[in-house]
């Protein structure tokens, strides 16, 4: 009968491994981070709505007019009483504003914020009118928060599910940190905007986070170690130079500035920097591999093949080189 000896550290290691195999730490960390993210967003929503309700009660008792759903100019004329004392001025301003709203609806566009009517009024007039106008209801704001919170949370779990199904190893701590940081950004943007009158910046933030996760997941599925991608190491440099040329030719600046930083609705400068950094990282490695393989083909292999096929000649050449006066110097 044989007796085996197992150290205590080895037994503890087996127990730890068995426990980690039973529970997926990446799933647990993502679930815990999502709970913290939901809590942060819920607290930001509750705080923002509480501050908004108290400010609305202190400002005015009138219900704000929704510019995206108003049916005629009469409600708008009532809101103009705080700005224009003359009846004709109020009627004219209300008609011009309603005509502007009709034009926007015919183009199938909705006002993202009350500030969109700024071309019709000055800054001082708009500041007085803003408490009496809105672009959405409380229910619409609540639905937007709920919808984009769900989209944002589910995007991280879908990415983790894709990586697990494809057998791709990921760093759960790094993904959880990214999830937590973006949740803080979501909550901060949610707590700053006026729910009824300002643009919902958290919507664009959530869309950007989802697009970033999609790009990250798609890039992680590509095998960049394949031979085809090694030969495309100069592609980031070509794309960066192309974007720079487009920015020089068709770029524009903010307002009346002559600086060319905008290419349509985007600013490609950050993408250009990233592509240049990628090119500087990959091109020297590609050049070194190409040059080393080239020199092996034209120099190393012929020398070794000649030495292998003529051993007497190579040995005599080595002996002659050793006896040469040049080596003695």
C-alpha atoms as a PDB file:
ATOM      1  CA  UNK A   1       0.000   0.000   0.000  1.00  0.00           C
ATOM      2  CA  UNK A   2       1.530   3.263  -1.136  1.00  0.00           C
ATOM      3  CA  UNK A   3       1.308   6.498   0.799  1.00  0.00           C
ATOM      4  CA  UNK A   4       1.362   9.849  -0.970  1.00  0.00           C
ATOM      5  CA  UNK A   5       2.357  13.104   0.626  1.00  0.00           C
ATOM      6  CA  UNK A   6       0.649  16.382  -0.327  1.00  0.00           C
ATOM      7  CA  UNK A   7       1.851  19.689   1.009  1.00  0.00           C
ATOM      8  CA  UNK A   8      -0.616  22.073   2.634  1.00  0.00           C
ATOM      9  CA  UNK A   9       0.125  24.797   0.100  1.00  0.00           C
ATOM     10  CA  UNK A  10      -0.680  22.426  -2.745  1.00  0.00           C
ATOM     11  CA  UNK A  11      -3.996  21.465  -1.140  1.00  0.00           C
ATOM     12  CA  UNK A  12      -4.881  25.134  -0.667  1.00  0.00           C
ATOM     13  CA  UNK A  13      -3.980  25.806  -4.303  1.00  0.00           C
ATOM     14  CA  UNK A  14      -6.288  23.044  -5.472  1.00  0.00           C
ATOM     15  CA  UNK A  15      -9.131  24.368  -3.347  1.00  0.00           C
ATOM     16  CA  UNK A  16      -8.610  27.892  -4.667  1.00  0.00           C
ATOM     17  CA  UNK A  17      -8.538  26.661  -8.247  1.00  0.00           C
ATOM     18  CA  UNK A  18     -11.701  24.614  -7.681  1.00  0.00           C
ATOM     19  CA  UNK A  19     -13.461  27.671  -6.226  1.00  0.00           C
ATOM     20  CA  UNK A  20     -12.399  29.917  -9.126  1.00  0.00           C
ATOM     21  CA  UNK A  21     -13.516  27.328 -11.651  1.00  0.00           C
ATOM     22  CA  UNK A  22     -16.939  27.258 -10.041  1.00  0.00           C
ATOM     23  CA  UNK A  23     -17.391  31.045 -10.111  1.00  0.00           C
ATOM     24  CA  UNK A  24     -16.497  33.211 -13.111  1.00  0.00           C
ATOM     25  CA  UNK A  25     -14.673  36.214 -11.683  1.00  0.00           C
ATOM     26  CA  UNK A  26     -15.111  38.262 -14.869  1.00  0.00           C
ATOM     27  CA  UNK A  27     -18.894  37.840 -14.757  1.00  0.00           C
ATOM     28  CA  UNK A  28     -18.985  38.691 -11.055  1.00  0.00           C
ATOM     29  CA  UNK A  29     -16.868  41.818 -11.509  1.00  0.00           C
ATOM     30  CA  UNK A  30     -18.979  43.003 -14.445  1.00  0.00           C
ATOM     31  CA  UNK A  31     -22.223  42.385 -12.561  1.00  0.00           C
ATOM     32  CA  UNK A  32     -20.939  44.259  -9.504  1.00  0.00           C
ATOM     33  CA  UNK A  33     -19.714  47.170 -11.642  1.00  0.00           C
ATOM     34  CA  UNK A  34     -23.051  47.339 -13.457  1.00  0.00           C
ATOM     35  CA  UNK A  35     -24.867  47.512 -10.119  1.00  0.00           C
ATOM     36  CA  UNK A  36     -22.635  50.397  -9.030  1.00  0.00           C
ATOM     37  CA  UNK A  37     -23.213  52.114 -12.397  1.00  0.00           C
ATOM     38  CA  UNK A  38     -26.989  51.764 -12.103  1.00  0.00           C
ATOM     39  CA  UNK A  39     -26.863  53.132  -8.554  1.00  0.00           C
ATOM     40  CA  UNK A  40     -24.788  56.145  -9.649  1.00  0.00           C
ATOM     41  CA  UNK A  41     -27.130  56.911 -12.551  1.00  0.00           C
ATOM     42  CA  UNK A  42     -30.214  56.512 -10.342  1.00  0.00           C
ATOM     43  CA  UNK A  43     -28.797  58.875  -7.720  1.00  0.00           C
ATOM     44  CA  UNK A  44     -27.894  61.426 -10.397  1.00  0.00           C
ATOM     45  CA  UNK A  45     -31.411  61.213 -11.839  1.00  0.00           C
ATOM     46  CA  UNK A  46     -33.046  61.567  -8.429  1.00  0.00           C
ATOM     47  CA  UNK A  47     -30.857  64.527  -7.503  1.00  0.00           C
ATOM     48  CA  UNK A  48     -31.427  66.292 -10.809  1.00  0.00           C
ATOM     49  CA  UNK A  49     -35.208  65.873 -10.745  1.00  0.00           C
ATOM     50  CA  UNK A  50     -35.358  67.024  -7.113  1.00  0.00           C
ATOM     51  CA  UNK A  51     -33.398  70.199  -7.871  1.00  0.00           C
ATOM     52  CA  UNK A  52     -35.485  70.778 -10.985  1.00  0.00           C
ATOM     53  CA  UNK A  53     -38.795  70.453  -9.140  1.00  0.00           C
ATOM     54  CA  UNK A  54     -37.735  72.875  -6.428  1.00  0.00           C
ATOM     55  CA  UNK A  55     -36.487  75.432  -8.970  1.00  0.00           C
ATOM     56  CA  UNK A  56     -39.708  75.130 -10.982  1.00  0.00           C
ATOM     57  CA  UNK A  57     -41.831  75.787  -7.909  1.00  0.00           C
ATOM     58  CA  UNK A  58     -39.746  78.818  -7.003  1.00  0.00           C
ATOM     59  CA  UNK A  59     -39.611  80.263 -10.531  1.00  0.00           C
ATOM     60  CA  UNK A  60     -43.176  80.251 -11.784  1.00  0.00           C
ATOM     61  CA  UNK A  61     -46.437  78.438 -11.398  1.00  0.00           C
ATOM     62  CA  UNK A  62     -47.124  78.356 -15.149  1.00  0.00           C
ATOM     63  CA  UNK A  63     -46.710  75.142 -17.072  1.00  0.00           C
ATOM     64  CA  UNK A  64     -43.969  75.503 -19.721  1.00  0.00           C
ATOM     65  CA  UNK A  65     -45.007  75.354 -23.387  1.00  0.00           C
ATOM     66  CA  UNK A  66     -43.558  72.451 -25.365  1.00  0.00           C
ATOM     67  CA  UNK A  67     -42.144  73.955 -28.571  1.00  0.00           C
ATOM     68  CA  UNK A  68     -42.150  70.579 -30.335  1.00  0.00           C
ATOM     69  CA  UNK A  69     -45.884  69.973 -29.831  1.00  0.00           C
ATOM     70  CA  UNK A  70     -47.501  73.441 -29.702  1.00  0.00           C
ATOM     71  CA  UNK A  71     -50.379  73.608 -32.214  1.00  0.00           C
ATOM     72  CA  UNK A  72     -50.883  77.373 -32.694  1.00  0.00           C
ATOM     73  CA  UNK A  73     -49.394  80.748 -31.826  1.00  0.00           C
ATOM     74  CA  UNK A  74     -51.838  81.617 -29.016  1.00  0.00           C
ATOM     75  CA  UNK A  75     -49.942  79.844 -26.185  1.00  0.00           C
ATOM     76  CA  UNK A  76     -46.722  81.401 -27.456  1.00  0.00           C
ATOM     77  CA  UNK A  77     -48.297  84.853 -27.345  1.00  0.00           C
ATOM     78  CA  UNK A  78     -49.145  84.325 -23.679  1.00  0.00           C
ATOM     79  CA  UNK A  79     -45.506  83.460 -22.960  1.00  0.00           C
ATOM     80  CA  UNK A  80     -44.362  86.664 -24.691  1.00  0.00           C
ATOM     81  CA  UNK A  81     -46.079  88.827 -22.064  1.00  0.00           C
ATOM     82  CA  UNK A  82     -43.004  88.686 -19.859  1.00  0.00           C
ATOM     83  CA  UNK A  83     -40.855  90.211 -22.618  1.00  0.00           C
ATOM     84  CA  UNK A  84     -43.045  92.488 -24.759  1.00  0.00           C
ATOM     85  CA  UNK A  85     -45.498  94.903 -23.182  1.00  0.00           C
ATOM     86  CA  UNK A  86     -47.165  95.872 -26.471  1.00  0.00           C
ATOM     87  CA  UNK A  87     -49.871  93.524 -27.780  1.00  0.00           C
ATOM     88  CA  UNK A  88     -48.822  93.871 -31.416  1.00  0.00           C
ATOM     89  CA  UNK A  89     -45.206  93.075 -30.575  1.00  0.00           C
ATOM     90  CA  UNK A  90     -46.268  89.978 -28.671  1.00  0.00           C
ATOM     91  CA  UNK A  91     -48.466  88.790 -31.523  1.00  0.00           C
ATOM     92  CA  UNK A  92     -45.757  89.388 -34.129  1.00  0.00           C
ATOM     93  CA  UNK A  93     -43.087  87.610 -32.065  1.00  0.00           C
ATOM     94  CA  UNK A  94     -45.402  84.656 -31.413  1.00  0.00           C
ATOM     95  CA  UNK A  95     -46.271  84.319 -35.110  1.00  0.00           C
ATOM     96  CA  UNK A  96     -42.620  84.435 -36.146  1.00  0.00           C
ATOM     97  CA  UNK A  97     -41.716  81.807 -33.573  1.00  0.00           C
ATOM     98  CA  UNK A  98     -44.594  79.548 -34.614  1.00  0.00           C
ATOM     99  CA  UNK A  99     -43.610  79.898 -38.281  1.00  0.00           C
ATOM    100  CA  UNK A 100     -40.085  78.856 -37.363  1.00  0.00           C
ATOM    101  CA  UNK A 101     -41.425  75.809 -35.518  1.00  0.00           C
ATOM    102  CA  UNK A 102     -43.613  74.816 -38.490  1.00  0.00           C
ATOM    103  CA  UNK A 103     -40.613  74.999 -40.814  1.00  0.00           C
ATOM    104  CA  UNK A 104     -38.647  72.733 -38.493  1.00  0.00           C
ATOM    105  CA  UNK A 105     -41.490  70.203 -38.387  1.00  0.00           C
ATOM    106  CA  UNK A 106     -41.826  70.183 -42.163  1.00  0.00           C
ATOM    107  CA  UNK A 107     -38.160  69.222 -42.355  1.00  0.00           C
ATOM    108  CA  UNK A 108     -38.894  66.447 -39.830  1.00  0.00           C
ATOM    109  CA  UNK A 109     -36.638  67.936 -37.180  1.00  0.00           C
ATOM    110  CA  UNK A 110     -37.299  68.475 -33.498  1.00  0.00           C
ATOM    111  CA  UNK A 111     -35.725  71.154 -31.371  1.00  0.00           C
ATOM    112  CA  UNK A 112     -33.004  69.635 -29.145  1.00  0.00           C
ATOM    113  CA  UNK A 113     -33.081  72.583 -26.741  1.00  0.00           C
ATOM    114  CA  UNK A 114     -34.764  75.931 -26.168  1.00  0.00           C
ATOM    115  CA  UNK A 115     -31.609  77.687 -27.326  1.00  0.00           C
ATOM    116  CA  UNK A 116     -32.407  76.592 -30.900  1.00  0.00           C
ATOM    117  CA  UNK A 117     -34.733  79.620 -31.203  1.00  0.00           C
ATOM    118  CA  UNK A 118     -31.849  82.005 -30.433  1.00  0.00           C
ATOM    119  CA  UNK A 119     -31.668  83.296 -34.064  1.00  0.00           C
ATOM    120  CA  UNK A 120     -35.125  84.853 -33.562  1.00  0.00           C
ATOM    121  CA  UNK A 121     -34.409  86.578 -30.249  1.00  0.00           C
ATOM    122  CA  UNK A 122     -31.464  88.107 -28.478  1.00  0.00           C
ATOM    123  CA  UNK A 123     -29.688  86.530 -25.535  1.00  0.00           C
ATOM    124  CA  UNK A 124     -31.468  88.739 -22.997  1.00  0.00           C
ATOM    125  CA  UNK A 125     -34.926  87.984 -24.428  1.00  0.00           C
ATOM    126  CA  UNK A 126     -34.173  84.260 -24.621  1.00  0.00           C
ATOM    127  CA  UNK A 127     -33.081  84.197 -20.974  1.00  0.00           C
ATOM    128  CA  UNK A 128     -36.441  85.687 -19.939  1.00  0.00           C
ATOM    129  CA  UNK A 129     -38.440  83.346 -22.177  1.00  0.00           C
ATOM    130  CA  UNK A 130     -36.624  80.127 -21.257  1.00  0.00           C
ATOM    131  CA  UNK A 131     -38.497  79.401 -17.981  1.00  0.00           C
ATOM    132  CA  UNK A 132     -41.811  79.435 -19.906  1.00  0.00           C
ATOM    133  CA  UNK A 133     -40.693  77.143 -22.761  1.00  0.00           C
ATOM    134  CA  UNK A 134     -39.582  73.524 -23.052  1.00  0.00           C
ATOM    135  CA  UNK A 135     -38.736  70.928 -25.696  1.00  0.00           C
ATOM    136  CA  UNK A 136     -39.860  67.755 -23.890  1.00  0.00           C
ATOM    137  CA  UNK A 137     -42.032  66.553 -21.018  1.00  0.00           C
ATOM    138  CA  UNK A 138     -40.991  64.946 -17.762  1.00  0.00           C
ATOM    139  CA  UNK A 139     -42.191  61.577 -19.014  1.00  0.00           C
ATOM    140  CA  UNK A 140     -40.089  61.843 -22.171  1.00  0.00           C
ATOM    141  CA  UNK A 141     -37.031  62.716 -20.110  1.00  0.00           C
ATOM    142  CA  UNK A 142     -37.642  59.727 -17.840  1.00  0.00           C
ATOM    143  CA  UNK A 143     -37.997  57.379 -20.823  1.00  0.00           C
ATOM    144  CA  UNK A 144     -34.787  58.700 -22.399  1.00  0.00           C
ATOM    145  CA  UNK A 145     -32.859  58.103 -19.182  1.00  0.00           C
ATOM    146  CA  UNK A 146     -34.229  54.576 -18.810  1.00  0.00           C
ATOM    147  CA  UNK A 147     -33.677  53.665 -22.470  1.00  0.00           C
ATOM    148  CA  UNK A 148     -30.082  54.827 -22.759  1.00  0.00           C
ATOM    149  CA  UNK A 149     -29.157  53.471 -19.336  1.00  0.00           C
ATOM    150  CA  UNK A 150     -30.290  50.013 -20.456  1.00  0.00           C
ATOM    151  CA  UNK A 151     -28.476  50.338 -23.790  1.00  0.00           C
ATOM    152  CA  UNK A 152     -25.301  51.477 -22.068  1.00  0.00           C
ATOM    153  CA  UNK A 153     -25.324  48.698 -19.452  1.00  0.00           C
ATOM    154  CA  UNK A 154     -26.210  45.924 -21.911  1.00  0.00           C
ATOM    155  CA  UNK A 155     -23.463  46.968 -24.339  1.00  0.00           C
ATOM    156  CA  UNK A 156     -20.734  45.944 -21.877  1.00  0.00           C
ATOM    157  CA  UNK A 157     -22.344  42.582 -21.170  1.00  0.00           C
ATOM    158  CA  UNK A 158     -22.855  41.866 -24.873  1.00  0.00           C
ATOM    159  CA  UNK A 159     -19.169  42.588 -25.496  1.00  0.00           C
ATOM    160  CA  UNK A 160     -18.161  40.235 -22.662  1.00  0.00           C
ATOM    161  CA  UNK A 161     -20.499  37.558 -24.026  1.00  0.00           C
ATOM    162  CA  UNK A 162     -18.978  37.826 -27.514  1.00  0.00           C
ATOM    163  CA  UNK A 163     -15.466  37.507 -26.098  1.00  0.00           C
ATOM    164  CA  UNK A 164     -16.470  34.459 -24.080  1.00  0.00           C
ATOM    165  CA  UNK A 165     -18.140  32.727 -27.029  1.00  0.00           C
ATOM    166  CA  UNK A 166     -15.109  33.367 -29.231  1.00  0.00           C
ATOM    167  CA  UNK A 167     -12.705  32.213 -26.532  1.00  0.00           C
ATOM    168  CA  UNK A 168     -10.847  35.539 -26.365  1.00  0.00           C
ATOM    169  CA  UNK A 169      -8.953  36.203 -23.145  1.00  0.00           C
ATOM    170  CA  UNK A 170      -9.702  39.619 -21.667  1.00  0.00           C
ATOM    171  CA  UNK A 171      -8.690  41.549 -18.602  1.00  0.00           C
ATOM    172  CA  UNK A 172     -11.877  41.706 -16.477  1.00  0.00           C
ATOM    173  CA  UNK A 173     -10.377  44.335 -14.176  1.00  0.00           C
ATOM    174  CA  UNK A 174      -9.576  46.657 -17.084  1.00  0.00           C
ATOM    175  CA  UNK A 175     -13.065  46.265 -18.574  1.00  0.00           C
ATOM    176  CA  UNK A 176     -14.661  46.847 -15.161  1.00  0.00           C
ATOM    177  CA  UNK A 177     -12.612  50.031 -14.664  1.00  0.00           C
ATOM    178  CA  UNK A 178     -13.679  51.299 -18.104  1.00  0.00           C
ATOM    179  CA  UNK A 179     -17.291  50.470 -17.220  1.00  0.00           C
ATOM    180  CA  UNK A 180     -17.054  52.355 -13.926  1.00  0.00           C
ATOM    181  CA  UNK A 181     -15.390  55.442 -15.413  1.00  0.00           C
ATOM    182  CA  UNK A 182     -17.935  55.730 -18.217  1.00  0.00           C
ATOM    183  CA  UNK A 183     -20.757  55.284 -15.690  1.00  0.00           C
ATOM    184  CA  UNK A 184     -19.389  58.224 -13.701  1.00  0.00           C
ATOM    185  CA  UNK A 185     -19.306  60.302 -16.887  1.00  0.00           C
ATOM    186  CA  UNK A 186     -22.893  59.282 -17.691  1.00  0.00           C
ATOM    187  CA  UNK A 187     -24.062  60.293 -14.205  1.00  0.00           C
ATOM    188  CA  UNK A 188     -22.232  63.638 -14.314  1.00  0.00           C
ATOM    189  CA  UNK A 189     -23.776  64.588 -17.667  1.00  0.00           C
ATOM    190  CA  UNK A 190     -27.204  63.483 -16.471  1.00  0.00           C
ATOM    191  CA  UNK A 191     -27.007  65.689 -13.387  1.00  0.00           C
ATOM    192  CA  UNK A 192     -25.995  68.865 -15.233  1.00  0.00           C
ATOM    193  CA  UNK A 193     -28.588  69.426 -17.968  1.00  0.00           C
ATOM    194  CA  UNK A 194     -32.053  70.929 -17.543  1.00  0.00           C
ATOM    195  CA  UNK A 195     -34.432  67.982 -18.092  1.00  0.00           C
ATOM    196  CA  UNK A 196     -36.980  69.965 -20.126  1.00  0.00           C
ATOM    197  CA  UNK A 197     -35.020  72.713 -21.866  1.00  0.00           C
ATOM    198  CA  UNK A 198     -31.408  71.659 -22.546  1.00  0.00           C
ATOM    199  CA  UNK A 199     -29.883  69.084 -24.863  1.00  0.00           C
ATOM    200  CA  UNK A 200     -29.545  65.624 -23.338  1.00  0.00           C
ATOM    201  CA  UNK A 201     -25.779  65.254 -23.493  1.00  0.00           C
ATOM    202  CA  UNK A 202     -25.874  61.867 -21.797  1.00  0.00           C
ATOM    203  CA  UNK A 203     -27.625  60.483 -24.889  1.00  0.00           C
ATOM    204  CA  UNK A 204     -24.659  61.303 -27.105  1.00  0.00           C
ATOM    205  CA  UNK A 205     -22.302  60.046 -24.395  1.00  0.00           C
ATOM    206  CA  UNK A 206     -24.090  56.688 -24.229  1.00  0.00           C
ATOM    207  CA  UNK A 207     -24.078  56.403 -28.017  1.00  0.00           C
ATOM    208  CA  UNK A 208     -20.344  57.120 -28.076  1.00  0.00           C
ATOM    209  CA  UNK A 209     -19.688  54.491 -25.403  1.00  0.00           C
ATOM    210  CA  UNK A 210     -21.679  51.877 -27.320  1.00  0.00           C
ATOM    211  CA  UNK A 211     -19.901  52.701 -30.596  1.00  0.00           C
ATOM    212  CA  UNK A 212     -16.552  52.487 -28.817  1.00  0.00           C
ATOM    213  CA  UNK A 213     -17.447  49.061 -27.417  1.00  0.00           C
ATOM    214  CA  UNK A 214     -18.515  47.865 -30.864  1.00  0.00           C
ATOM    215  CA  UNK A 215     -15.232  49.029 -32.404  1.00  0.00           C
ATOM    216  CA  UNK A 216     -13.211  47.486 -29.571  1.00  0.00           C
ATOM    217  CA  UNK A 217     -15.046  44.172 -29.916  1.00  0.00           C
ATOM    218  CA  UNK A 218     -14.652  44.123 -33.699  1.00  0.00           C
ATOM    219  CA  UNK A 219     -10.932  44.906 -33.487  1.00  0.00           C
ATOM    220  CA  UNK A 220     -10.400  42.211 -30.853  1.00  0.00           C
ATOM    221  CA  UNK A 221     -11.830  39.590 -33.222  1.00  0.00           C
ATOM    222  CA  UNK A 222      -9.210  40.341 -35.895  1.00  0.00           C
ATOM    223  CA  UNK A 223      -5.982  38.326 -35.921  1.00  0.00           C
ATOM    224  CA  UNK A 224      -3.363  41.007 -36.477  1.00  0.00           C
ATOM    225  CA  UNK A 225      -0.601  38.425 -36.321  1.00  0.00           C
ATOM    226  CA  UNK A 226      -1.598  37.016 -39.698  1.00  0.00           C
ATOM    227  CA  UNK A 227       0.788  37.522 -42.602  1.00  0.00           C
ATOM    228  CA  UNK A 228      -1.654  39.711 -44.494  1.00  0.00           C
ATOM    229  CA  UNK A 229      -1.803  42.331 -41.738  1.00  0.00           C
ATOM    230  CA  UNK A 230       1.974  42.452 -41.367  1.00  0.00           C
ATOM    231  CA  UNK A 231       2.257  43.786 -44.905  1.00  0.00           C
ATOM    232  CA  UNK A 232      -0.383  46.460 -44.163  1.00  0.00           C
ATOM    233  CA  UNK A 233       1.658  48.179 -41.450  1.00  0.00           C
ATOM    234  CA  UNK A 234       1.882  51.360 -43.542  1.00  0.00           C
ATOM    235  CA  UNK A 235      -1.911  51.581 -43.853  1.00  0.00           C
ATOM    236  CA  UNK A 236      -2.356  53.758 -40.690  1.00  0.00           C
ATOM    237  CA  UNK A 237       0.187  56.236 -42.076  1.00  0.00           C
ATOM    238  CA  UNK A 238      -1.662  56.407 -45.407  1.00  0.00           C
ATOM    239  CA  UNK A 239      -5.005  56.979 -43.647  1.00  0.00           C
ATOM    240  CA  UNK A 240      -3.479  59.671 -41.394  1.00  0.00           C
ATOM    241  CA  UNK A 241      -1.977  61.515 -44.364  1.00  0.00           C
ATOM    242  CA  UNK A 242      -5.277  61.251 -46.254  1.00  0.00           C
ATOM    243  CA  UNK A 243      -7.217  62.718 -43.328  1.00  0.00           C
ATOM    244  CA  UNK A 244      -4.650  65.502 -43.007  1.00  0.00           C
ATOM    245  CA  UNK A 245      -4.975  66.339 -46.702  1.00  0.00           C
ATOM    246  CA  UNK A 246      -8.780  66.384 -46.471  1.00  0.00           C
ATOM    247  CA  UNK A 247      -8.568  68.613 -43.396  1.00  0.00           C
ATOM    248  CA  UNK A 248      -6.268  71.053 -45.209  1.00  0.00           C
ATOM    249  CA  UNK A 249      -8.429  71.154 -48.339  1.00  0.00           C
ATOM    250  CA  UNK A 250     -11.956  71.032 -46.920  1.00  0.00           C
ATOM    251  CA  UNK A 251     -11.516  71.814 -43.212  1.00  0.00           C
ATOM    252  CA  UNK A 252     -13.176  74.697 -41.412  1.00  0.00           C
ATOM    253  CA  UNK A 253     -12.806  76.435 -38.088  1.00  0.00           C
ATOM    254  CA  UNK A 254     -15.198  77.218 -35.264  1.00  0.00           C
ATOM    255  CA  UNK A 255     -17.227  80.300 -36.127  1.00  0.00           C
ATOM    256  CA  UNK A 256     -15.278  82.757 -38.245  1.00  0.00           C
ATOM    257  CA  UNK A 257     -11.857  81.362 -37.294  1.00  0.00           C
ATOM    258  CA  UNK A 258      -9.450  80.451 -40.092  1.00  0.00           C
ATOM    259  CA  UNK A 259      -8.115  77.435 -38.177  1.00  0.00           C
ATOM    260  CA  UNK A 260      -8.988  74.191 -39.947  1.00  0.00           C
ATOM    261  CA  UNK A 261     -10.001  71.785 -37.216  1.00  0.00           C
ATOM    262  CA  UNK A 262     -13.456  70.595 -38.321  1.00  0.00           C
ATOM    263  CA  UNK A 263     -14.033  68.148 -41.143  1.00  0.00           C
ATOM    264  CA  UNK A 264     -17.792  68.242 -41.471  1.00  0.00           C
ATOM    265  CA  UNK A 265     -19.359  67.388 -38.098  1.00  0.00           C
ATOM    266  CA  UNK A 266     -16.195  65.783 -36.642  1.00  0.00           C
ATOM    267  CA  UNK A 267     -12.689  66.822 -35.576  1.00  0.00           C
ATOM    268  CA  UNK A 268     -10.263  64.190 -36.939  1.00  0.00           C
ATOM    269  CA  UNK A 269      -7.156  65.457 -35.159  1.00  0.00           C
ATOM    270  CA  UNK A 270      -7.317  62.809 -32.409  1.00  0.00           C
ATOM    271  CA  UNK A 271      -7.752  60.046 -34.980  1.00  0.00           C
ATOM    272  CA  UNK A 272      -4.780  61.391 -36.941  1.00  0.00           C
ATOM    273  CA  UNK A 273      -2.604  61.345 -33.817  1.00  0.00           C
ATOM    274  CA  UNK A 274      -3.630  57.790 -32.997  1.00  0.00           C
ATOM    275  CA  UNK A 275      -2.965  56.607 -36.550  1.00  0.00           C
ATOM    276  CA  UNK A 276       0.456  58.279 -36.595  1.00  0.00           C
ATOM    277  CA  UNK A 277       1.362  56.650 -33.286  1.00  0.00           C
ATOM    278  CA  UNK A 278       0.248  53.270 -34.629  1.00  0.00           C
ATOM    279  CA  UNK A 279       2.288  53.782 -37.779  1.00  0.00           C
ATOM    280  CA  UNK A 280       5.407  54.761 -35.821  1.00  0.00           C
ATOM    281  CA  UNK A 281       4.977  51.651 -33.687  1.00  0.00           C
ATOM    282  CA  UNK A 282       4.423  49.145 -36.496  1.00  0.00           C
ATOM    283  CA  UNK A 283       6.443  50.442 -39.457  1.00  0.00           C
ATOM    284  CA  UNK A 284       9.966  50.010 -37.971  1.00  0.00           C
ATOM    285  CA  UNK A 285       9.141  46.461 -36.928  1.00  0.00           C
ATOM    286  CA  UNK A 286       7.841  45.662 -40.410  1.00  0.00           C
ATOM    287  CA  UNK A 287      10.912  47.265 -42.007  1.00  0.00           C
ATOM    288  CA  UNK A 288      13.250  45.300 -39.737  1.00  0.00           C
ATOM    289  CA  UNK A 289      11.536  41.999 -40.521  1.00  0.00           C
ATOM    290  CA  UNK A 290      11.537  42.728 -44.245  1.00  0.00           C
ATOM    291  CA  UNK A 291      15.192  43.819 -44.357  1.00  0.00           C
ATOM    292  CA  UNK A 292      16.386  40.916 -42.218  1.00  0.00           C
ATOM    293  CA  UNK A 293      14.551  38.375 -44.368  1.00  0.00           C
ATOM    294  CA  UNK A 294      15.911  40.068 -47.498  1.00  0.00           C
ATOM    295  CA  UNK A 295      19.529  39.904 -46.308  1.00  0.00           C
ATOM    296  CA  UNK A 296      19.111  36.311 -45.227  1.00  0.00           C
ATOM    297  CA  UNK A 297      17.986  35.435 -48.717  1.00  0.00           C
ATOM    298  CA  UNK A 298      20.748  37.243 -50.640  1.00  0.00           C
ATOM    299  CA  UNK A 299      23.730  36.790 -48.285  1.00  0.00           C
ATOM    300  CA  UNK A 300      23.412  34.340 -45.418  1.00  0.00           C
ATOM    301  CA  UNK A 301      21.925  31.408 -47.299  1.00  0.00           C
ATOM    302  CA  UNK A 302      24.365  31.522 -50.266  1.00  0.00           C
ATOM    303  CA  UNK A 303      27.350  31.722 -47.908  1.00  0.00           C
ATOM    304  CA  UNK A 304      26.199  28.762 -45.838  1.00  0.00           C
ATOM    305  CA  UNK A 305      25.240  26.780 -48.926  1.00  0.00           C
ATOM    306  CA  UNK A 306      28.688  27.411 -50.506  1.00  0.00           C
ATOM    307  CA  UNK A 307      30.442  26.367 -47.322  1.00  0.00           C
ATOM    308  CA  UNK A 308      28.357  23.236 -47.033  1.00  0.00           C
ATOM    309  CA  UNK A 309      28.979  22.138 -50.604  1.00  0.00           C
ATOM    310  CA  UNK A 310      32.789  22.754 -50.517  1.00  0.00           C
ATOM    311  CA  UNK A 311      34.135  21.861 -47.081  1.00  0.00           C
ATOM    312  CA  UNK A 312      37.766  21.670 -48.184  1.00  0.00           C
ATOM    313  CA  UNK A 313      37.613  25.110 -49.782  1.00  0.00           C
ATOM    314  CA  UNK A 314      36.003  26.674 -46.731  1.00  0.00           C
ATOM    315  CA  UNK A 315      38.523  25.101 -44.343  1.00  0.00           C
ATOM    316  CA  UNK A 316      41.453  26.221 -46.463  1.00  0.00           C
ATOM    317  CA  UNK A 317      40.053  29.759 -46.662  1.00  0.00           C
ATOM    318  CA  UNK A 318      39.660  29.844 -42.900  1.00  0.00           C
ATOM    319  CA  UNK A 319      43.221  28.591 -42.379  1.00  0.00           C
ATOM    320  CA  UNK A 320      44.591  31.144 -44.843  1.00  0.00           C
ATOM    321  CA  UNK A 321      42.688  33.915 -43.106  1.00  0.00           C
ATOM    322  CA  UNK A 322      44.087  32.854 -39.724  1.00  0.00           C
ATOM    323  CA  UNK A 323      47.661  32.901 -41.068  1.00  0.00           C
ATOM    324  CA  UNK A 324      47.178  36.229 -42.809  1.00  0.00           C
ATOM    325  CA  UNK A 325      49.389  39.095 -41.545  1.00  0.00           C
ATOM    326  CA  UNK A 326      46.313  41.269 -41.174  1.00  0.00           C
ATOM    327  CA  UNK A 327      45.129  39.214 -38.214  1.00  0.00           C
ATOM    328  CA  UNK A 328      48.526  39.428 -36.541  1.00  0.00           C
ATOM    329  CA  UNK A 329      48.399  43.205 -36.540  1.00  0.00           C
END
